[in-house]
Amino acid sequence: MKIAALIPARFASTRLPEKLIQDLHGKSVIQRTYQSTLDTGLFDEVWVVTDHDQIQAQIDAIGGNVYRSQKEHESGSDRIAEALTKVDADVVINVQGDEPFQDKQSLEDLVKVFQDSSILVASLKTKISEDEAHNPNFVKVVTDKNGDALYFSRSPIPYNRDKIRNLSYWKHIGIYAYRRETLLEYTGMGKSELEGIEMLEQLRMLESGIKIRMVETQHQPIAIDTAEDLARARRLLDMD
């Protein structure tokens, strides 16, 4: 089974302009994401999929693999699906370009579930507090007894009607793993109703009957979305 990590890297960003080429102690965010993914040793190939010259130049500078995508895509999954015209892989891991500190154990656990031939898509979840569950920027997930996602929401789910103490809430971590055929099938669908309401692309799969196996992790990734996130990442590197 050939496994590839594809890193969608759109140049435009709202809260932190040009975030993927911001400096993190001599390397850009996207360079560190690429290198930390490669350093896990889990993948047959690692590619950055981008729409922009500056990001391509960053990866070219470290001898990495780059696929130039068209500019307009609905999501990162749509962007990496385009790259499958060049990348030959049975399983594709969608690694977020703004997460420069990849956790090997989480990615390894995600890859392992594909030893079960019935698994088509997998992703990660981690426990959060009830206060965190009320943050709409944290996407919550509930699963069935097999660990497959029942629903994702920006609202706290499940709704704690009877105020049960120590109720478990799970945050979705947006790293996806797909079988090649499933990714191509999914990205060929139109946007679904629930996807449009919650603005969560994974709901397109659930509405279409595609199961998503959720894998528990203790790792809380650092995503570079704001100037504060960038400063935090720099402080972490200072501690090394």
Protein backbone atom coordinates (compact mmCIF):
# COMPACT_ATOMS: atom_id res chain seq x y z
CA MET A 1 0.00 0.00 0.00
CA LYS A 2 1.54 3.28 -1.14
CA ILE A 3 0.88 6.24 1.16
CA ALA A 4 1.42 9.90 0.27
CA ALA A 5 1.11 13.06 2.35
CA LEU A 6 -0.26 16.02 0.41
CA ILE A 7 -0.13 19.50 1.92
CA PRO A 8 -2.60 21.99 0.39
CA ALA A 9 -1.04 25.44 0.57
CA ARG A 10 -3.18 28.37 -0.51
CA PHE A 11 -1.30 31.68 -0.49
CA ALA A 12 -4.24 33.91 0.43
CA SER A 13 -5.11 34.14 4.13
CA THR A 14 -7.33 36.51 6.09
CA ARG A 15 -6.29 36.81 9.73
CA LEU A 16 -2.53 36.60 9.14
CA PRO A 17 -1.58 37.72 5.61
CA GLU A 18 0.89 35.47 3.78
CA LYS A 19 1.02 33.21 6.82
CA LEU A 20 2.63 30.23 5.08
CA ILE A 21 5.76 32.19 4.19
CA GLN A 22 6.15 33.82 7.62
CA ASP A 23 9.53 33.18 9.21
CA LEU A 24 9.96 30.62 11.98
CA HIS A 25 13.60 30.86 13.02
CA GLY A 26 15.13 30.79 9.55
CA LYS A 27 12.52 28.63 7.84
CA SER A 28 9.04 29.52 6.66
CA VAL A 29 5.87 27.98 8.09
CA ILE A 30 5.31 25.89 4.95
CA GLN A 31 8.94 24.72 4.89
CA ARG A 32 8.64 23.52 8.49
CA THR A 33 5.33 21.79 7.78
CA TYR A 34 6.84 20.00 4.79
CA GLN A 35 10.01 19.01 6.66
CA SER A 36 8.24 17.81 9.82
CA THR A 37 5.89 15.69 7.69
CA LEU A 38 8.81 14.23 5.75
CA ASP A 39 10.77 13.58 8.96
CA THR A 40 8.07 11.23 10.30
CA GLY A 41 9.30 8.65 7.78
CA LEU A 42 5.74 7.38 7.33
CA PHE A 43 5.15 8.37 3.72
CA ASP A 44 6.33 7.15 0.34
CA GLU A 45 5.94 10.69 -1.00
CA VAL A 46 5.32 14.15 0.45
CA TRP A 47 4.02 16.96 -1.78
CA VAL A 48 2.98 20.57 -1.32
CA VAL A 49 0.03 21.49 -3.53
CA THR A 50 -0.09 25.23 -4.12
CA ASP A 51 -1.47 27.95 -6.35
CA HIS A 52 1.33 30.48 -5.85
CA ASP A 53 4.89 31.22 -7.02
CA GLN A 54 6.17 32.25 -3.58
CA ILE A 55 5.11 29.03 -1.89
CA GLN A 56 6.54 26.99 -4.76
CA ALA A 57 9.82 28.89 -4.38
CA GLN A 58 9.91 28.08 -0.65
CA ILE A 59 9.61 24.34 -1.29
CA ASP A 60 11.93 24.38 -4.30
CA ALA A 61 14.55 25.98 -2.04
CA ILE A 62 14.62 22.90 0.22
CA GLY A 63 14.42 20.39 -2.64
CA GLY A 64 10.82 19.39 -1.95
CA ASN A 65 8.03 18.19 -4.22
CA VAL A 66 5.56 20.79 -5.48
CA TYR A 67 2.41 20.44 -7.56
CA ARG A 68 1.00 23.67 -9.02
CA SER A 69 -2.77 23.65 -8.74
CA GLN A 70 -5.36 25.95 -10.23
CA LYS A 71 -6.18 28.92 -8.01
CA GLU A 72 -9.86 28.39 -7.24
CA HIS A 73 -10.83 25.44 -5.07
CA GLU A 74 -13.63 25.05 -2.53
CA SER A 75 -11.39 23.26 -0.01
CA GLY A 76 -7.99 21.75 0.65
CA SER A 77 -9.39 18.33 -0.23
CA ASP A 78 -10.43 19.61 -3.66
CA ARG A 79 -6.92 21.02 -4.14
CA ILE A 80 -5.12 17.77 -3.32
CA ALA A 81 -7.53 15.74 -5.46
CA GLU A 82 -6.29 17.70 -8.47
CA ALA A 83 -2.72 16.62 -7.63
CA LEU A 84 -3.67 12.94 -7.92
CA THR A 85 -3.22 13.34 -11.66
CA LYS A 86 0.51 13.29 -10.85
CA VAL A 87 0.82 11.56 -7.46
CA ASP A 88 0.37 7.79 -7.43
CA ALA A 89 -0.86 6.65 -4.01
CA ASP A 90 -3.40 4.22 -2.57
CA VAL A 91 -3.94 6.30 0.58
CA VAL A 92 -3.62 10.08 0.76
CA ILE A 93 -3.11 12.06 3.98
CA ASN A 94 -4.26 15.69 3.84
CA VAL A 95 -1.84 17.57 6.11
CA GLN A 96 -2.69 21.18 6.97
CA GLY A 97 -0.09 23.58 5.56
CA ASP A 98 -0.23 25.93 8.54
CA GLU A 99 0.69 23.27 11.13
CA PRO A 100 4.51 23.25 11.26
CA PHE A 101 4.90 20.75 14.12
CA GLN A 102 3.55 17.42 12.89
CA ASP A 103 3.12 14.63 15.45
CA LYS A 104 4.45 11.29 14.21
CA GLN A 105 2.36 9.14 16.58
CA SER A 106 -0.92 10.75 15.51
CA LEU A 107 -0.13 10.32 11.83
CA GLU A 108 1.04 6.75 12.37
CA ASP A 109 -2.20 5.86 14.20
CA LEU A 110 -4.17 7.40 11.34
CA VAL A 111 -2.28 5.41 8.71
CA LYS A 112 -2.68 2.13 10.63
CA VAL A 113 -6.48 2.08 10.37
CA PHE A 114 -6.17 1.49 6.62
CA GLN A 115 -4.98 -2.04 7.34
CA ASP A 116 -8.74 -2.62 7.58
CA SER A 117 -9.88 -2.68 3.96
CA SER A 118 -13.37 -1.44 4.92
CA ILE A 119 -12.05 1.96 6.07
CA LEU A 120 -12.41 4.60 3.36
CA VAL A 121 -11.75 7.83 5.28
CA ALA A 122 -10.22 8.54 8.69
CA SER A 123 -9.49 11.61 10.78
CA LEU A 124 -8.43 12.62 14.30
CA LYS A 125 -10.21 13.71 17.47
CA THR A 126 -9.05 14.85 20.90
CA LYS A 127 -10.83 15.48 24.21
CA ILE A 128 -11.69 19.05 25.18
CA SER A 129 -13.38 20.74 28.13
CA GLU A 130 -17.03 21.80 28.23
CA ASP A 131 -15.97 25.45 28.04
CA GLU A 132 -13.95 24.71 24.89
CA ALA A 133 -16.93 22.84 23.43
CA HIS A 134 -18.86 26.12 23.34
CA ASN A 135 -16.24 27.75 21.09
CA PRO A 136 -17.62 27.69 17.51
CA ASN A 137 -14.07 27.77 16.14
CA PHE A 138 -13.58 24.28 17.61
CA VAL A 139 -15.41 21.71 15.50
CA LYS A 140 -16.96 18.99 17.67
CA VAL A 141 -17.61 15.39 16.67
CA VAL A 142 -19.72 12.55 18.06
CA THR A 143 -19.17 8.93 17.03
CA ASP A 144 -20.94 5.58 17.05
CA LYS A 145 -19.72 2.55 19.01
CA ASN A 146 -17.33 1.63 16.18
CA GLY A 147 -15.67 5.04 16.24
CA ASP A 148 -17.27 6.30 13.03
CA ALA A 149 -18.43 9.91 13.00
CA LEU A 150 -22.16 10.49 13.41
CA TYR A 151 -22.00 14.28 13.10
CA PHE A 152 -19.67 17.28 13.19
CA SER A 153 -20.79 20.68 14.43
CA ARG A 154 -19.61 24.09 15.55
CA SER A 155 -22.21 23.80 18.32
CA PRO A 156 -21.50 21.75 21.46
CA ILE A 157 -22.57 18.17 20.79
CA PRO A 158 -24.03 16.21 22.41
CA TYR A 159 -26.41 18.73 24.01
CA ASN A 160 -26.14 18.20 27.77
CA ARG A 161 -29.82 18.56 28.65
CA ASP A 162 -29.59 17.10 32.17
CA LYS A 163 -26.26 18.76 33.04
CA ILE A 164 -24.38 15.47 33.36
CA ARG A 165 -21.07 16.02 35.13
CA ASN A 166 -17.80 15.21 33.35
CA LEU A 167 -19.44 14.66 29.99
CA SER A 168 -16.87 13.97 27.26
CA TYR A 169 -16.58 16.38 24.35
CA TRP A 170 -14.40 15.70 21.35
CA LYS A 171 -12.73 18.23 19.08
CA HIS A 172 -12.14 17.32 15.46
CA ILE A 173 -8.55 17.79 14.26
CA GLY A 174 -8.66 18.51 10.56
CA ILE A 175 -6.14 16.02 9.23
CA TYR A 176 -7.88 13.62 6.84
CA ALA A 177 -6.78 10.32 5.34
CA TYR A 178 -8.55 8.98 2.25
CA ARG A 179 -8.38 6.03 -0.04
CA ARG A 180 -7.61 7.45 -3.46
CA GLU A 181 -10.91 6.45 -5.05
CA THR A 182 -12.93 7.87 -2.15
CA LEU A 183 -11.17 11.24 -2.32
CA LEU A 184 -11.89 11.50 -6.04
CA GLU A 185 -15.52 10.46 -5.50
CA TYR A 186 -16.00 12.95 -2.66
CA THR A 187 -14.50 15.93 -4.45
CA GLY A 188 -16.64 15.19 -7.50
CA MET A 189 -19.80 15.79 -5.47
CA GLY A 190 -21.46 19.17 -5.16
CA LYS A 191 -21.58 21.02 -1.83
CA SER A 192 -24.20 19.45 0.44
CA GLU A 193 -26.92 21.20 2.43
CA LEU A 194 -25.44 20.62 5.90
CA GLU A 195 -21.96 21.46 4.63
CA GLY A 196 -23.28 24.83 3.51
CA ILE A 197 -25.05 25.48 6.83
CA GLU A 198 -22.15 24.62 9.16
CA MET A 199 -19.41 25.41 6.60
CA LEU A 200 -17.78 22.05 7.31
CA GLU A 201 -16.67 20.09 4.26
CA GLN A 202 -16.68 16.71 6.06
CA LEU A 203 -20.48 16.85 6.32
CA ARG A 204 -20.62 16.32 2.56
CA MET A 205 -19.23 12.83 3.14
CA LEU A 206 -21.62 11.98 5.95
CA GLU A 207 -24.62 13.18 3.95
CA SER A 208 -23.48 10.96 1.08
CA GLY A 209 -23.15 7.90 3.30
CA ILE A 210 -19.33 7.83 3.43
CA LYS A 211 -18.15 6.79 6.90
CA ILE A 212 -15.29 8.62 8.62
CA ARG A 213 -13.36 6.59 11.21
CA MET A 214 -12.22 8.85 14.06
CA VAL A 215 -8.89 8.11 15.74
CA GLU A 216 -8.17 9.46 19.21
CA THR A 217 -5.02 11.49 19.82
CA GLN A 218 -3.58 13.38 22.77
CA HIS A 219 -1.75 15.78 20.46
CA GLN A 220 -3.07 19.33 20.12
CA PRO A 221 -1.60 20.75 16.90
CA ILE A 222 -0.52 24.37 16.65
CA ALA A 223 -2.05 26.06 13.62
CA ILE A 224 -0.63 29.40 12.49
CA ASP A 225 -3.76 31.50 11.94
CA THR A 226 -2.91 34.72 13.80
CA ALA A 227 0.08 36.81 14.83
CA GLU A 228 -0.34 35.37 18.34
CA ASP A 229 -0.08 31.82 16.97
CA LEU A 230 3.10 32.76 15.13
CA ALA A 231 4.61 34.24 18.29
CA ARG A 232 3.72 31.08 20.23
CA ALA A 233 5.40 28.89 17.61
CA ARG A 234 8.53 31.02 17.80
CA ARG A 235 8.58 30.66 21.59
CA LEU A 236 8.37 26.88 21.24
CA LEU A 237 11.36 26.90 18.92
CA ASP A 238 13.25 29.09 21.39
CA MET A 239 12.81 26.32 23.98
CA ASP A 240 14.45 23.66 21.78
